[in-house]
Amino acid sequence: MTRSVWIPAVAILGTLALAACQGPVGLVSRIEAPRLVSPPSGARMLCLGAGGAGARPSQEPSPAPTPTPQPNELAWTNVRGVGYYQVEIYRAADARLVVTRRVDPGDAQEIRLECGADYQWRVAAVAEYPADPAWSDVWLFTIEASSAGATTFMVARAR
C-alpha cells in the first residue's frame, strides 16, 4: 500500500473498531458481580436484639458477664475495580424493600432488622469507571422470632 492509501485505511478501521465497542450511550465496560457468602441461602439466624419499644431494663442485678454474641453477618466476595457496593434487603412475604445501603470497600455497615421475618437480599458492585452495576444472585434468610417487636443487628461487608 502506498502512504496515501494506508492513512485512510487506518482511519476507517479505527472508526469501525470504536463503533463496535460503543453501546447506545457510549463506551460501557463490565464489572464482575459479587458472590454472596453468608448466610447461606435458606439459613435461619438467631434474633440477637433485645425487646422492642416496650422493653424495659430489668431492676435485678445482672448475672456474671457473658460473652457478647457476634452480630449476624451478610457477607459477599470483594470485586476488583469496585467503587462501592449497594446492598438491598427485601421482606420475602411482600417483596417490599426494607433496606438499601451503600457499603464502601473495606467498610462495614450496621443494619437493624425485625425478628420473626423472612428476608431476601442481594448486592451490586458499582464500578469506579463507567459500567452498569452488576448484581449478585438473590438469597433468602430468616431471623427467628423473639419477644414481640424485637429487632436484631446485621453487619454487611465484603470479604
Protein backbone atom coordinates (compact mmCIF):
# COMPACT_ATOMS: atom_id res chain seq x y z
CA MET A 1 0.00 0.00 0.00
CA THR A 2 1.16 3.46 -0.69
CA ARG A 3 1.23 6.05 2.02
CA SER A 4 -1.83 7.95 0.70
CA VAL A 5 -3.99 4.78 0.75
CA TRP A 6 -2.64 3.49 4.11
CA ILE A 7 -3.65 6.52 6.26
CA PRO A 8 -7.35 6.50 5.20
CA ALA A 9 -7.49 2.70 5.67
CA VAL A 10 -6.20 3.00 9.25
CA ALA A 11 -8.68 5.81 9.95
CA ILE A 12 -11.60 3.71 8.65
CA LEU A 13 -10.55 0.60 10.62
CA GLY A 14 -10.09 2.69 13.78
CA THR A 15 -13.57 4.19 13.38
CA LEU A 16 -15.10 0.73 12.87
CA ALA A 17 -13.33 -0.64 15.95
CA LEU A 18 -14.54 2.29 18.07
CA ALA A 19 -18.11 1.88 16.79
CA ALA A 20 -18.04 -1.83 17.65
CA CYS A 21 -17.06 -1.03 21.27
CA GLN A 22 -19.67 1.69 21.74
CA GLY A 23 -23.04 0.92 23.18
CA PRO A 24 -26.11 3.13 22.77
CA VAL A 25 -24.81 5.59 25.40
CA GLY A 26 -21.09 5.45 24.66
CA LEU A 27 -18.32 3.23 25.93
CA VAL A 28 -19.56 0.88 28.62
CA SER A 29 -17.40 -1.63 30.46
CA ARG A 30 -18.46 -4.53 32.64
CA ILE A 31 -17.76 -5.25 36.27
CA GLU A 32 -17.93 -8.65 37.90
CA ALA A 33 -20.97 -9.40 40.09
CA PRO A 34 -20.21 -10.15 43.75
CA ARG A 35 -20.92 -13.67 45.01
CA LEU A 36 -22.89 -13.94 48.24
CA VAL A 37 -21.00 -15.79 51.01
CA SER A 38 -23.07 -15.79 54.18
CA PRO A 39 -25.56 -16.57 55.44
CA PRO A 40 -26.17 -19.44 53.04
CA SER A 41 -29.47 -19.18 51.20
CA GLY A 42 -32.28 -20.51 53.37
CA ALA A 43 -30.37 -20.00 56.65
CA ARG A 44 -32.18 -19.45 59.95
CA MET A 45 -30.47 -16.86 62.14
CA LEU A 46 -30.89 -16.01 65.82
CA CYS A 47 -32.56 -12.82 66.93
CA LEU A 48 -29.72 -11.20 68.90
CA GLY A 49 -31.52 -7.98 69.77
CA ALA A 50 -33.33 -7.11 72.95
CA GLY A 51 -37.08 -6.35 73.08
CA GLY A 52 -38.99 -3.78 71.14
CA ALA A 53 -40.33 -0.35 72.00
CA GLY A 54 -42.00 -1.58 75.20
CA ALA A 55 -38.93 -3.36 76.60
CA ARG A 56 -37.66 -2.06 79.94
CA PRO A 57 -34.37 -2.75 81.65
CA SER A 58 -34.50 -5.23 84.50
CA GLN A 59 -34.13 -3.91 88.07
CA GLU A 60 -32.39 -7.12 89.16
CA PRO A 61 -28.60 -7.25 89.36
CA SER A 62 -27.03 -8.67 86.24
CA PRO A 63 -25.63 -12.17 86.30
CA ALA A 64 -21.96 -12.81 85.67
CA PRO A 65 -20.82 -11.29 82.37
CA THR A 66 -21.37 -13.47 79.35
CA PRO A 67 -19.61 -13.10 76.06
CA THR A 68 -21.35 -10.68 73.73
CA PRO A 69 -22.72 -12.58 70.75
CA GLN A 70 -21.31 -11.61 67.40
CA PRO A 71 -23.84 -9.91 65.14
CA ASN A 72 -25.34 -11.80 62.24
CA GLU A 73 -23.39 -11.06 59.08
CA LEU A 74 -24.27 -10.51 55.45
CA ALA A 75 -21.07 -11.13 53.50
CA TRP A 76 -20.06 -11.27 49.85
CA THR A 77 -16.87 -11.53 47.82
CA ASN A 78 -14.72 -8.49 47.03
CA VAL A 79 -14.78 -7.31 43.42
CA ARG A 80 -11.79 -5.67 41.75
CA GLY A 81 -12.44 -2.15 40.44
CA VAL A 82 -15.47 -1.56 42.66
CA GLY A 83 -16.27 1.97 43.78
CA TYR A 84 -18.86 0.79 46.32
CA TYR A 85 -21.42 -1.94 46.93
CA GLN A 86 -25.19 -1.44 47.05
CA VAL A 87 -26.98 -3.79 49.48
CA GLU A 88 -30.73 -4.35 49.14
CA ILE A 89 -32.85 -6.32 51.62
CA TYR A 90 -36.49 -7.15 50.91
CA ARG A 91 -39.19 -8.70 53.09
CA ALA A 92 -39.85 -12.07 51.47
CA ALA A 93 -43.58 -12.00 52.26
CA ASP A 94 -44.40 -8.95 50.13
CA ALA A 95 -41.11 -8.16 48.30
CA ARG A 96 -41.07 -4.74 49.99
CA LEU A 97 -37.64 -3.09 50.00
CA VAL A 98 -36.77 -2.52 53.69
CA VAL A 99 -33.08 -1.59 53.44
CA THR A 100 -30.88 -0.11 50.78
CA ARG A 101 -27.37 0.72 51.92
CA ARG A 102 -24.13 1.86 50.33
CA VAL A 103 -21.09 -0.04 51.63
CA ASP A 104 -17.63 1.20 50.69
CA PRO A 105 -14.87 -1.39 50.08
CA GLY A 106 -13.17 -2.36 53.33
CA ASP A 107 -16.04 -0.87 55.35
CA ALA A 108 -18.97 -2.47 57.18
CA GLN A 109 -22.48 -1.15 57.72
CA GLU A 110 -24.75 -1.95 60.64
CA ILE A 111 -28.33 -2.79 59.64
CA ARG A 112 -31.27 -3.28 62.01
CA LEU A 113 -34.00 -5.77 61.01
CA GLU A 114 -37.16 -7.06 62.66
CA CYS A 115 -37.02 -10.54 64.13
CA GLY A 116 -39.50 -13.22 63.14
CA ALA A 117 -39.36 -12.49 59.42
CA ASP A 118 -38.04 -13.92 56.16
CA TYR A 119 -35.83 -11.69 54.02
CA GLN A 120 -34.28 -11.73 50.56
CA TRP A 121 -31.06 -9.89 49.84
CA ARG A 122 -28.70 -9.06 47.01
CA VAL A 123 -25.61 -6.91 46.43
CA ALA A 124 -24.48 -4.86 43.43
CA ALA A 125 -20.90 -3.97 42.60
CA VAL A 126 -20.83 -0.37 41.37
CA ALA A 127 -17.66 0.34 39.40
CA GLU A 128 -15.23 3.24 39.73
CA TYR A 129 -15.43 3.56 35.92
CA PRO A 130 -18.41 3.81 33.54
CA ALA A 131 -20.16 0.44 33.82
CA ASP A 132 -23.59 -0.83 34.69
CA PRO A 133 -23.88 -2.20 38.26
CA ALA A 134 -23.51 -5.98 38.44
CA TRP A 135 -26.00 -7.70 40.78
CA SER A 136 -25.42 -10.89 42.75
CA ASP A 137 -27.95 -13.69 42.94
CA VAL A 138 -30.80 -13.25 45.43
CA TRP A 139 -30.60 -15.29 48.65
CA LEU A 140 -33.16 -15.87 51.38
CA PHE A 141 -32.64 -15.89 55.17
CA THR A 142 -34.91 -16.00 58.22
CA ILE A 143 -34.42 -14.22 61.52
CA GLU A 144 -36.01 -16.33 64.27
CA ALA A 145 -38.86 -14.83 66.28
CA SER A 146 -38.14 -13.49 69.76
CA SER A 147 -40.15 -11.20 72.01
CA ALA A 148 -42.76 -9.02 70.31
CA GLY A 149 -41.26 -6.15 68.39
CA ALA A 150 -37.66 -7.32 68.81
CA THR A 151 -35.04 -6.26 66.30
CA THR A 152 -31.55 -7.51 65.61
CA PHE A 153 -28.41 -6.04 64.11
CA MET A 154 -26.80 -7.31 60.93
CA VAL A 155 -23.36 -6.32 59.72
CA ALA A 156 -22.92 -6.06 55.96
CA ARG A 157 -19.41 -6.27 54.47
CA ALA A 158 -17.34 -7.60 51.59
CA ARG A 159 -14.84 -10.33 52.47
